[in-house]
C-alpha atoms as a PDB file:
ATOM      1  CA  MET A   1       0.680-134.347  -4.571  1.00  0.00           C
ATOM      2  CA  GLN A   2      -1.482-135.590  -1.743  1.00  0.00           C
ATOM      3  CA  ILE A   3      -5.245-135.674  -2.189  1.00  0.00           C
ATOM      4  CA  SER A   4      -7.471-135.594   0.882  1.00  0.00           C
ATOM      5  CA  LEU A   5     -11.164-136.359   0.497  1.00  0.00           C
ATOM      6  CA  LYS A   6     -14.164-135.374   2.573  1.00  0.00           C
ATOM      7  CA  SER A   7     -17.811-136.155   1.969  1.00  0.00           C
ATOM      8  CA  THR A   8     -20.938-134.521   3.387  1.00  0.00           C
ATOM      9  CA  LEU A   9     -24.437-136.031   3.159  1.00  0.00           C
ATOM     10  CA  LEU A  10     -23.000-138.521   0.674  1.00  0.00           C
ATOM     11  CA  GLU A  11     -21.414-141.931   1.035  1.00  0.00           C
ATOM     12  CA  LEU A  12     -17.883-141.896  -0.329  1.00  0.00           C
ATOM     13  CA  THR A  13     -17.639-145.316  -1.968  1.00  0.00           C
ATOM     14  CA  ASP A  14     -14.396-146.915  -3.085  1.00  0.00           C
ATOM     15  CA  ALA A  15     -15.403-146.445  -6.728  1.00  0.00           C
ATOM     16  CA  LEU A  16     -15.996-142.711  -6.233  1.00  0.00           C
ATOM     17  CA  ARG A  17     -12.784-142.334  -4.233  1.00  0.00           C
ATOM     18  CA  GLU A  18     -10.832-144.085  -7.007  1.00  0.00           C
ATOM     19  CA  TYR A  19     -12.529-141.949  -9.683  1.00  0.00           C
ATOM     20  CA  ILE A  20     -11.573-138.719  -7.915  1.00  0.00           C
ATOM     21  CA  HIS A  21      -7.961-139.825  -7.494  1.00  0.00           C
ATOM     22  CA  LYS A  22      -7.774-140.965 -11.125  1.00  0.00           C
ATOM     23  CA  ARG A  23      -9.061-137.606 -12.384  1.00  0.00           C
ATOM     24  CA  LEU A  24      -7.066-135.287 -10.122  1.00  0.00           C
ATOM     25  CA  GLU A  25      -3.677-137.035  -9.909  1.00  0.00           C
ATOM     26  CA  PRO A  26      -2.549-135.833 -13.381  1.00  0.00           C
ATOM     27  CA  LEU A  27      -2.622-132.268 -12.021  1.00  0.00           C
ATOM     28  CA  GLY A  28       0.384-133.263  -9.931  1.00  0.00           C
ATOM     29  CA  LYS A  29       2.477-133.415 -13.102  1.00  0.00           C
ATOM     30  CA  ILE A  30       1.628-129.791 -13.859  1.00  0.00           C
ATOM     31  CA  LEU A  31       2.520-128.755 -10.311  1.00  0.00           C
ATOM     32  CA  LYS A  32       5.707-130.810 -10.167  1.00  0.00           C
ATOM     33  CA  ARG A  33       7.728-128.060 -11.789  1.00  0.00           C
ATOM     34  CA  LEU A  34       6.378-125.509  -9.293  1.00  0.00           C
ATOM     35  CA  GLU A  35       7.291-127.517  -6.203  1.00  0.00           C
ATOM     36  CA  GLU A  36      10.072-125.762  -4.376  1.00  0.00           C
ATOM     37  CA  LYS A  37       9.928-126.777  -0.744  1.00  0.00           C
ATOM     38  CA  GLY A  38       7.806-129.876  -0.635  1.00  0.00           C
ATOM     39  CA  GLU A  39       4.646-131.448  -1.829  1.00  0.00           C
ATOM     40  CA  TYR A  40       1.311-129.721  -2.372  1.00  0.00           C
ATOM     41  CA  SER A  41      -1.883-131.045  -0.892  1.00  0.00           C
ATOM     42  CA  LEU A  42      -5.226-130.930  -2.614  1.00  0.00           C
ATOM     43  CA  HIS A  43      -8.367-130.919  -0.466  1.00  0.00           C
ATOM     44  CA  VAL A  44     -11.544-132.190  -2.123  1.00  0.00           C
ATOM     45  CA  GLU A  45     -15.015-132.050  -0.602  1.00  0.00           C
ATOM     46  CA  VAL A  46     -17.862-133.892  -2.275  1.00  0.00           C
ATOM     47  CA  ALA A  47     -21.341-133.240  -0.931  1.00  0.00           C
ATOM     48  CA  ARG A  48     -25.001-133.390  -1.658  1.00  0.00           C
ATOM     49  CA  ALA A  49     -26.276-129.817  -1.633  1.00  0.00           C
ATOM     50  CA  THR A  50     -29.851-130.826  -0.880  1.00  0.00           C
ATOM     51  CA  ARG A  51     -31.477-133.789   0.805  1.00  0.00           C
ATOM     52  CA  HIS A  52     -34.059-134.171  -1.966  1.00  0.00           C
ATOM     53  CA  HIS A  53     -33.031-135.402  -5.389  1.00  0.00           C
ATOM     54  CA  ARG A  54     -35.104-133.474  -7.864  1.00  0.00           C
ATOM     55  CA  LYS A  55     -34.795-134.190 -11.549  1.00  0.00           C
ATOM     56  CA  GLY A  56     -32.762-131.678 -13.525  1.00  0.00           C
ATOM     57  CA  GLU A  57     -31.424-129.754 -10.548  1.00  0.00           C
ATOM     58  CA  LYS A  58     -27.817-129.439  -9.597  1.00  0.00           C
ATOM     59  CA  VAL A  59     -27.762-131.303  -6.311  1.00  0.00           C
ATOM     60  CA  TYR A  60     -24.102-132.342  -5.995  1.00  0.00           C
ATOM     61  CA  TYR A  61     -21.381-130.007  -4.821  1.00  0.00           C
ATOM     62  CA  VAL A  62     -17.639-130.397  -5.392  1.00  0.00           C
ATOM     63  CA  GLU A  63     -15.128-128.075  -3.753  1.00  0.00           C
ATOM     64  CA  VAL A  64     -11.419-128.284  -4.545  1.00  0.00           C
ATOM     65  CA  THR A  65      -8.842-126.274  -2.588  1.00  0.00           C
ATOM     66  CA  LEU A  66      -5.161-126.078  -3.530  1.00  0.00           C
ATOM     67  CA  ALA A  67      -2.729-124.033  -1.424  1.00  0.00           C
ATOM     68  CA  LEU A  68       0.158-122.682  -3.492  1.00  0.00           C
ATOM     69  CA  PRO A  69       3.095-120.598  -2.193  1.00  0.00           C
ATOM     70  CA  ARG A  70       1.500-117.188  -2.748  1.00  0.00           C
ATOM     71  CA  LYS A  71      -2.059-118.083  -3.567  1.00  0.00           C
ATOM     72  CA  THR A  72      -4.854-120.449  -2.616  1.00  0.00           C
ATOM     73  CA  ILE A  73      -6.990-121.711  -5.464  1.00  0.00           C
ATOM     74  CA  ARG A  74     -10.529-122.690  -4.518  1.00  0.00           C
ATOM     75  CA  ILE A  75     -13.003-124.097  -7.028  1.00  0.00           C
ATOM     76  CA  GLU A  76     -16.701-124.720  -6.332  1.00  0.00           C
ATOM     77  CA  GLN A  77     -18.787-126.701  -8.770  1.00  0.00           C
ATOM     78  CA  TYR A  78     -22.460-127.703  -8.643  1.00  0.00           C
ATOM     79  CA  ASP A  79     -23.758-130.414 -10.963  1.00  0.00           C
ATOM     80  CA  GLU A  80     -26.500-132.991 -11.348  1.00  0.00           C
ATOM     81  CA  ASP A  81     -23.978-135.868 -11.286  1.00  0.00           C
ATOM     82  CA  VAL A  82     -21.060-136.056  -8.883  1.00  0.00           C
ATOM     83  CA  ARG A  83     -18.688-137.416 -11.541  1.00  0.00           C
ATOM     84  CA  LYS A  84     -19.536-134.604 -13.957  1.00  0.00           C
ATOM     85  CA  GLY A  85     -18.939-132.149 -11.133  1.00  0.00           C
ATOM     86  CA  VAL A  86     -15.490-133.613 -10.458  1.00  0.00           C
ATOM     87  CA  ASP A  87     -14.606-133.385 -14.164  1.00  0.00           C
ATOM     88  CA  ALA A  88     -15.778-129.777 -14.432  1.00  0.00           C
ATOM     89  CA  ALA A  89     -13.919-128.806 -11.250  1.00  0.00           C
ATOM     90  CA  LYS A  90     -10.759-130.441 -12.629  1.00  0.00           C
ATOM     91  CA  LYS A  91     -10.982-128.418 -15.844  1.00  0.00           C
ATOM     92  CA  ARG A  92     -11.478-125.160 -13.936  1.00  0.00           C
ATOM     93  CA  LEU A  93      -8.611-125.986 -11.570  1.00  0.00           C
ATOM     94  CA  GLN A  94      -6.322-126.801 -14.478  1.00  0.00           C
ATOM     95  CA  VAL A  95      -7.040-123.405 -16.050  1.00  0.00           C
ATOM     96  CA  ALA A  96      -6.380-121.649 -12.725  1.00  0.00           C
ATOM     97  CA  ILE A  97      -3.064-123.495 -12.289  1.00  0.00           C
ATOM     98  CA  GLU A  98      -1.963-122.553 -15.803  1.00  0.00           C
ATOM     99  CA  GLN A  99      -2.803-118.887 -15.111  1.00  0.00           C
ATOM    100  CA  TYR A 100      -0.846-119.059 -11.867  1.00  0.00           C
ATOM    101  CA  LYS A 101       2.165-120.570 -13.638  1.00  0.00           C
ATOM    102  CA  GLU A 102       2.112-117.859 -16.308  1.00  0.00           C
ATOM    103  CA  LYS A 103       1.942-115.147 -13.662  1.00  0.00           C
ATOM    104  CA  MET A 104       4.864-116.654 -11.739  1.00  0.00           C
ATOM    105  CA  GLN A 105       6.963-116.904 -14.912  1.00  0.00           C
ATOM    106  CA  GLU A 106       6.280-113.251 -15.724  1.00  0.00           C
ATOM    107  CA  LYS A 107       7.387-112.206 -12.228  1.00  0.00           C
ATOM    108  CA  ARG A 108      10.653-114.157 -12.570  1.00  0.00           C
ATOM    109  CA  LYS A 109      11.541-112.330 -15.777  1.00  0.00           C
END
């Protein structure tokens, strides 16, 4: 699985880039069984939703897009910390992938 990163109004440091790859690469193992005609690509956008950092507000935005054979899964997550946003988006994406797999297995039967 290839992961492409994009950042908006936020500097994408090497530490953040490594953190995102470390968190999202295990999803490739789940998708490995679904791969029929090649590798999937995961597009991740990390952004600051506002230019002002106000305490307690959700100012970071994480968007994850995964194109599957018959469906595109898109997850949006707002959080006060970019790393927490990545973790929450990963959990939501994992649930969506599992639902997709179950649906595909039902159709095959």
